[in-house]
Protein backbone atom coordinates (compact mmCIF):
# COMPACT_ATOMS: atom_id res chain seq x y z
CA MET A 1 0.01 -0.05 0.01
CA SER A 2 1.46 3.28 -1.10
CA TRP A 3 1.89 6.22 1.37
CA ARG A 4 -1.03 8.12 -0.32
CA ARG A 5 -3.50 5.15 0.21
CA ASN A 6 -2.39 4.98 3.45
CA LEU A 7 -2.55 8.77 4.36
CA TYR A 8 -6.21 8.50 5.70
CA LEU A 9 -5.20 5.87 8.20
CA GLN A 10 -1.93 7.85 9.12
CA VAL A 11 -3.81 11.16 9.82
CA LEU A 12 -6.55 9.41 11.68
CA VAL A 13 -4.00 7.58 14.00
CA ALA A 14 -2.10 10.92 14.45
CA ILE A 15 -5.15 12.69 15.51
CA VAL A 16 -6.04 10.03 18.10
CA ILE A 17 -2.49 10.11 19.40
CA GLY A 18 -2.48 14.01 19.44
CA ILE A 19 -5.61 14.01 21.55
CA ALA A 20 -3.98 11.36 23.87
CA LEU A 21 -0.97 13.49 24.43
CA GLY A 22 -2.87 16.64 24.98
CA PHE A 23 -4.99 14.96 27.61
CA PHE A 24 -2.35 13.03 29.58
CA ASP A 25 0.43 15.77 29.21
CA PRO A 26 -1.25 19.10 28.57
CA GLU A 27 2.16 21.07 28.90
CA LEU A 28 3.91 18.93 26.33
CA GLY A 29 0.84 18.80 24.02
CA ALA A 30 0.76 22.62 24.03
CA LYS A 31 4.28 22.71 22.74
CA MET A 32 3.38 20.79 19.50
CA LYS A 33 1.65 23.86 18.10
CA PRO A 34 4.68 24.62 15.58
CA LEU A 35 3.91 21.19 13.93
CA GLY A 36 0.80 22.22 12.79
CA ASP A 37 1.53 25.80 12.11
CA ALA A 38 4.63 24.69 9.86
CA PHE A 39 2.36 22.55 7.75
CA ILE A 40 -0.15 25.18 7.20
CA LYS A 41 2.32 27.68 6.30
CA ALA A 42 3.98 25.29 3.90
CA VAL A 43 0.72 24.56 2.09
CA LYS A 44 -0.29 28.33 1.87
CA MET A 45 3.11 28.85 0.33
CA LEU A 46 2.05 26.67 -2.53
CA ILE A 47 -1.55 27.74 -3.01
CA GLY A 48 -0.75 30.80 -5.17
CA PRO A 49 1.53 29.18 -7.64
CA VAL A 50 -0.69 25.99 -7.87
CA ILE A 51 -3.81 28.06 -8.73
CA PHE A 52 -2.01 30.31 -11.18
CA CYS A 53 -0.46 27.42 -13.12
CA THR A 54 -3.66 25.36 -13.07
CA VAL A 55 -5.91 28.14 -14.30
CA VAL A 56 -3.44 29.50 -16.82
CA GLY A 57 -2.63 26.12 -18.19
CA GLY A 58 -6.40 25.12 -18.57
CA LEU A 59 -7.21 28.30 -20.26
CA ALA A 60 -4.36 28.28 -22.59
CA SER A 61 -5.46 24.97 -23.85
CA MET A 62 -9.23 25.93 -24.30
CA SER A 63 -10.47 26.18 -27.87
CA ASP A 64 -13.50 27.91 -26.97
CA LEU A 65 -13.24 30.73 -24.32
CA ARG A 66 -16.88 31.11 -24.19
CA LYS A 67 -16.82 27.93 -22.29
CA LEU A 68 -14.98 30.10 -19.45
CA GLY A 69 -18.04 32.58 -19.18
CA ARG A 70 -20.45 29.64 -18.89
CA VAL A 71 -18.61 28.03 -16.10
CA GLY A 72 -18.08 31.34 -14.42
CA TRP A 73 -21.71 32.32 -14.32
CA LYS A 74 -22.96 28.94 -13.52
CA SER A 75 -20.41 28.75 -10.50
CA LEU A 76 -21.58 32.14 -9.30
CA LEU A 77 -25.21 31.16 -9.49
CA TYR A 78 -24.52 28.00 -7.56
CA PHE A 79 -22.38 29.54 -4.99
CA GLU A 80 -25.11 32.29 -4.34
CA VAL A 81 -28.04 29.68 -3.91
CA VAL A 82 -26.14 27.06 -2.04
CA THR A 83 -24.54 29.67 0.38
CA THR A 84 -27.85 31.12 0.91
CA LEU A 85 -29.36 27.72 1.87
CA ALA A 86 -26.50 27.22 4.23
CA LEU A 87 -27.15 30.41 6.02
CA VAL A 88 -30.96 29.72 6.18
CA ILE A 89 -30.36 26.23 7.70
CA GLY A 90 -27.68 27.43 10.22
CA LEU A 91 -30.19 30.18 11.39
CA ILE A 92 -33.08 27.64 11.62
CA VAL A 93 -31.16 25.22 13.67
CA ALA A 94 -29.59 28.18 15.97
CA ASN A 95 -33.01 29.56 16.55
CA VAL A 96 -34.41 26.13 17.63
CA HIS A 97 -31.69 26.19 20.43
CA ALA A 98 -31.87 29.80 21.39
CA ASP A 99 -34.50 32.36 22.38
CA PRO A 100 -33.83 35.37 20.21
CA ALA A 101 -36.05 37.51 22.34
CA SER A 102 -33.36 37.13 25.21
CA LEU A 103 -30.45 38.21 23.10
CA ASP A 104 -28.66 41.41 24.06
CA THR A 105 -27.61 43.10 20.81
CA SER A 106 -25.98 46.25 22.43
CA ALA A 107 -22.68 44.49 22.77
CA LEU A 108 -22.60 43.90 19.01
CA ALA A 109 -22.57 47.70 18.11
CA THR A 110 -18.88 47.73 17.56
CA TYR A 111 -18.83 44.87 15.26
CA THR A 112 -21.98 46.04 13.12
CA ALA A 113 -20.41 49.34 12.69
CA THR A 114 -17.23 47.68 11.47
CA ALA A 115 -19.04 45.38 9.18
CA LYS A 116 -20.39 48.48 7.31
CA GLU A 117 -16.99 49.37 6.04
CA HIS A 118 -16.79 45.98 4.16
CA GLY A 119 -19.14 46.30 1.48
CA VAL A 120 -19.47 45.01 -2.14
CA VAL A 121 -17.35 47.69 -3.60
CA PRO A 122 -14.39 47.43 -1.41
CA PHE A 123 -14.54 43.54 -1.78
CA LEU A 124 -14.62 43.81 -5.58
CA MET A 125 -11.72 46.53 -5.63
CA ASN A 126 -9.72 44.14 -3.48
CA ILE A 127 -9.77 41.47 -6.12
CA ILE A 128 -7.40 43.68 -8.07
CA PRO A 129 -3.91 43.47 -6.43
CA ASP A 130 -1.67 46.38 -6.11
CA THR A 131 1.25 44.52 -8.00
CA PHE A 132 1.47 41.36 -9.93
CA VAL A 133 3.72 39.93 -7.37
CA GLY A 134 1.72 41.35 -4.48
CA ALA A 135 -1.11 38.86 -5.01
CA PHE A 136 1.20 35.83 -4.46
CA ALA A 137 3.14 37.62 -1.53
CA ASN A 138 -0.18 38.33 0.38
CA GLY A 139 -1.68 34.87 -0.38
CA GLU A 140 -4.84 36.42 -1.75
CA ILE A 141 -6.74 33.47 -3.63
CA LEU A 142 -9.12 35.85 -5.68
CA GLN A 143 -6.30 38.12 -6.73
CA VAL A 144 -4.10 35.03 -7.95
CA LEU A 145 -7.16 33.68 -9.65
CA PHE A 146 -8.09 37.18 -11.42
CA LEU A 147 -4.37 37.40 -12.55
CA ALA A 148 -4.33 33.86 -13.88
CA ILE A 149 -7.54 34.33 -15.85
CA LEU A 150 -6.20 37.41 -17.59
CA PHE A 151 -2.78 35.54 -18.28
CA GLY A 152 -4.70 32.45 -19.61
CA ILE A 153 -7.02 34.32 -21.89
CA VAL A 154 -4.04 36.27 -23.45
CA LEU A 155 -2.13 33.09 -24.04
CA ALA A 156 -5.17 31.33 -25.60
CA HIS A 157 -5.50 34.25 -27.92
CA LEU A 158 -1.89 34.13 -29.03
CA GLY A 159 -2.32 30.50 -29.91
CA GLY A 160 0.79 28.85 -31.46
CA ALA A 161 2.98 31.85 -30.69
CA ALA A 162 2.52 31.36 -26.86
CA ARG A 163 3.13 27.59 -27.04
CA PRO A 164 6.58 27.95 -25.34
CA VAL A 165 5.14 29.67 -22.40
CA THR A 166 2.17 27.26 -22.10
CA ILE A 167 4.61 24.32 -22.03
CA LEU A 168 6.70 26.06 -19.31
CA ILE A 169 3.40 26.88 -17.26
CA HIS A 170 2.52 23.16 -17.52
CA ASP A 171 6.04 22.18 -16.48
CA MET A 172 5.89 24.52 -13.49
CA ALA A 173 2.64 23.14 -12.50
CA GLY A 174 4.21 19.64 -12.39
CA VAL A 175 7.02 20.97 -10.12
CA PHE A 176 4.63 22.69 -7.64
CA PHE A 177 2.39 19.61 -7.53
CA GLY A 178 5.49 17.59 -6.85
CA ILE A 179 6.23 19.94 -3.85
CA VAL A 180 2.63 19.47 -2.68
CA ASN A 181 3.16 15.52 -2.65
CA ILE A 182 6.31 16.14 -0.58
CA VAL A 183 4.67 18.48 1.90
CA THR A 184 1.69 16.19 2.18
CA ARG A 185 3.87 13.62 3.68
CA ALA A 186 4.01 15.62 6.91
CA ALA A 187 0.13 15.70 7.15
CA PRO A 188 0.11 13.12 9.96
CA ILE A 189 2.75 15.04 11.90
CA ALA A 190 0.66 18.30 11.41
CA ALA A 191 -2.60 16.69 12.46
CA PHE A 192 -0.77 15.36 15.58
CA GLY A 193 0.69 18.63 16.48
CA ALA A 194 -2.59 20.68 15.98
CA MET A 195 -4.76 18.15 18.10
CA ALA A 196 -2.17 17.73 20.80
CA PHE A 197 -1.98 21.54 21.08
CA THR A 198 -5.74 22.16 21.17
CA ILE A 199 -6.41 19.66 23.79
CA GLY A 200 -3.23 20.65 25.74
CA LYS A 201 -3.81 24.28 25.57
CA TYR A 202 -7.49 24.46 26.29
CA GLY A 203 -8.29 21.22 27.87
CA VAL A 204 -11.12 18.85 27.54
CA LYS A 205 -13.36 20.62 30.22
CA ALA A 206 -13.05 23.95 28.25
CA LEU A 207 -13.96 22.30 24.98
CA ALA A 208 -16.71 20.45 26.56
CA SER A 209 -18.25 23.68 27.64
CA LEU A 210 -18.76 24.46 23.91
CA GLY A 211 -20.00 20.94 23.51
CA MET A 212 -23.61 21.81 22.55
CA LEU A 213 -22.43 24.48 20.08
CA MET A 214 -19.93 22.06 18.62
CA VAL A 215 -22.63 19.31 18.38
CA CYS A 216 -25.28 21.69 16.73
CA VAL A 217 -22.65 22.81 14.27
CA TYR A 218 -21.42 19.50 13.23
CA ALA A 219 -25.02 18.00 13.12
CA THR A 220 -25.97 20.93 10.94
CA CYS A 221 -23.05 20.53 8.64
CA LEU A 222 -23.97 16.73 8.27
CA LEU A 223 -27.52 17.58 7.53
CA PHE A 224 -26.45 19.97 4.85
CA VAL A 225 -23.95 17.68 3.30
CA PHE A 226 -26.41 14.75 3.09
CA LEU A 227 -29.51 16.62 2.18
CA VAL A 228 -28.46 19.75 0.17
CA LEU A 229 -25.27 18.53 -1.33
CA GLY A 230 -26.62 14.93 -1.52
CA GLY A 231 -29.62 16.04 -3.45
CA ILE A 232 -27.43 18.08 -5.89
CA ALA A 233 -25.27 15.18 -6.42
CA ARG A 234 -28.26 12.82 -7.21
CA LEU A 235 -29.56 15.30 -9.75
CA HIS A 236 -26.36 15.13 -11.65
CA GLY A 237 -26.09 11.18 -11.52
CA PHE A 238 -23.86 10.39 -8.61
CA GLY A 239 -23.99 9.80 -4.83
CA ILE A 240 -22.52 11.94 -2.24
CA TRP A 241 -20.78 8.97 -0.58
CA ARG A 242 -18.77 8.59 -3.73
CA ILE A 243 -17.46 12.21 -3.30
CA LEU A 244 -16.75 11.76 0.44
CA LYS A 245 -15.02 8.49 -0.24
CA LEU A 246 -12.78 10.34 -2.68
CA ILE A 247 -11.79 13.18 -0.54
CA LYS A 248 -11.66 11.36 2.78
CA GLU A 249 -7.90 12.24 3.25
CA GLU A 250 -8.45 15.84 2.68
CA LEU A 251 -11.46 15.92 5.09
CA LEU A 252 -9.27 14.47 7.88
CA ILE A 253 -6.40 16.93 7.10
CA VAL A 254 -8.88 19.76 7.50
CA LEU A 255 -10.14 18.16 10.62
CA GLY A 256 -6.71 17.76 12.22
CA THR A 257 -5.29 21.14 11.35
CA SER A 258 -8.56 23.24 11.37
CA SER A 259 -7.57 24.96 8.07
CA SER A 260 -9.56 24.16 4.91
CA GLU A 261 -6.69 25.89 2.86
CA THR A 262 -4.36 22.85 3.53
CA ALA A 263 -6.57 20.67 1.38
CA LEU A 264 -6.87 23.03 -1.49
CA PRO A 265 -3.74 21.86 -3.67
CA LEU A 266 -4.59 18.15 -2.84
CA LEU A 267 -8.22 18.53 -3.73
CA MET A 268 -7.34 20.21 -7.05
CA GLN A 269 -5.02 17.52 -7.97
CA LYS A 270 -7.30 14.76 -7.13
CA LEU A 271 -10.22 16.22 -9.09
CA LYS A 272 -8.08 16.58 -12.24
CA LYS A 273 -6.90 12.95 -12.03
CA ASN A 274 -10.45 11.89 -11.68
CA GLY A 275 -11.62 13.31 -14.90
CA CYS A 276 -12.53 16.91 -14.05
CA GLY A 277 -11.34 19.57 -16.61
CA GLU A 278 -8.37 21.44 -15.60
CA SER A 279 -9.82 25.05 -16.43
CA VAL A 280 -13.06 24.04 -14.50
CA VAL A 281 -11.14 22.74 -11.55
CA GLY A 282 -8.76 25.82 -11.63
CA ILE A 283 -11.69 28.19 -11.69
CA VAL A 284 -14.43 26.70 -9.53
CA VAL A 285 -12.41 25.32 -6.66
CA PRO A 286 -10.32 28.47 -5.79
CA SER A 287 -13.34 30.79 -6.31
CA GLY A 288 -15.45 28.48 -4.28
CA TYR A 289 -12.86 29.00 -1.23
CA SER A 290 -13.93 32.59 -1.32
CA PHE A 291 -17.69 32.63 -2.55
CA ASN A 292 -18.98 29.36 -1.32
CA LEU A 293 -17.87 28.42 2.20
CA ASP A 294 -20.92 26.67 3.38
CA GLY A 295 -19.56 25.22 6.53
CA THR A 296 -18.39 28.60 7.49
CA SER A 297 -21.79 30.14 6.82
CA ILE A 298 -23.37 27.51 9.10
CA TYR A 299 -20.81 28.13 11.87
CA LEU A 300 -21.08 32.03 11.60
CA THR A 301 -24.92 32.03 11.88
CA MET A 302 -24.89 29.52 14.85
CA ALA A 303 -21.81 31.19 16.50
CA VAL A 304 -23.20 34.77 16.35
CA ILE A 305 -26.41 33.72 18.19
CA PHE A 306 -24.36 31.70 20.68
CA ILE A 307 -21.96 34.54 21.33
CA ALA A 308 -24.86 37.05 21.77
CA GLN A 309 -26.55 34.73 24.19
CA ALA A 310 -23.45 34.07 26.19
C-alpha cells in the first residue's frame, strides 16, 4: 500500500495520538503547536503558484473561451444559491436552540459598525492586486485567480505563438504539485501537533463547555451535506458517498489542522486525476474557497447567536 493510500489511516491515528498526548500531558501537548503551524504555512506557500499554473494552463489549452463564461456564471449562481441555503439552515437550527428575544444586541454595536466598512465595492476592488507579485506575496486567492484568468486568456488568444510559455506553465505546475506531494507527507505530523496543542492548551473541560455548540454545528453540517449537497449530487447522476470517499484524506487533514486551505492543492490535484477539466477545477475550486464556504456560513450564523446569548 502506497503512502498516499495509507494517508487516511496515518492522519486518523495521528489525531488520536495527538488527543491522547494533550489529555495526559497538557504542557507537552501545547508545545506541539509549531508542527501544525509549519504544515499550514508550507501549504499556503504553494496555493498561489498551484492556482496560477492550473488556471493558466487550463485556459491556454481551451479552444472555446466562451466556455469560461458559462463556467463562471453557473459557478457564481450555484455559490449564491447554496450559500444562502447554508445560512438559512444555520439560522433555523440556531433559533431552535436559542431564544432570540433574550439576546442582548447592544454588545454587537462595535462589530456591526465595522461590518458596514466591508461592502460590495471594497470587496470587488480588493480582487485587483496592487502589484502582480503582491497577489502571491499576500496569499490572496481571488487576486491570484484574477491574474491567472487574464494571463490564460491572453495565451489562448496568442495561440501557437504562446506555445513555449504554455509548455513552461505546465512544467511549472508539475513541479509545484511535486512539492505538494512532498509536503503532504507531513500531514500526519501536522494533525498530531494541532490536536495535541488544542487539547493541551484548552483542555477537555473547556472544550466540553462548548459541546452543545459544537454538536449543533457538526450536526447541521452533516444535515447540509447529505440533504442539500446529496440532493445536488443525485440530480447529476452520482451519490454524495462517492465524493466523500474520494476526498476522505482531505477531510481528515482539515479536521486535524482546522484549516480548509491545507486541502486545496490536494483537492485540485485529485479532481483533475478523476476526470474534471483542468480549467474548470482551476476556476471553480479556488473561487469556491472565497464565495462558497458553506460550513463557515453555518458556523457563523450559529456562533453569532451563541456569542450574543453568552
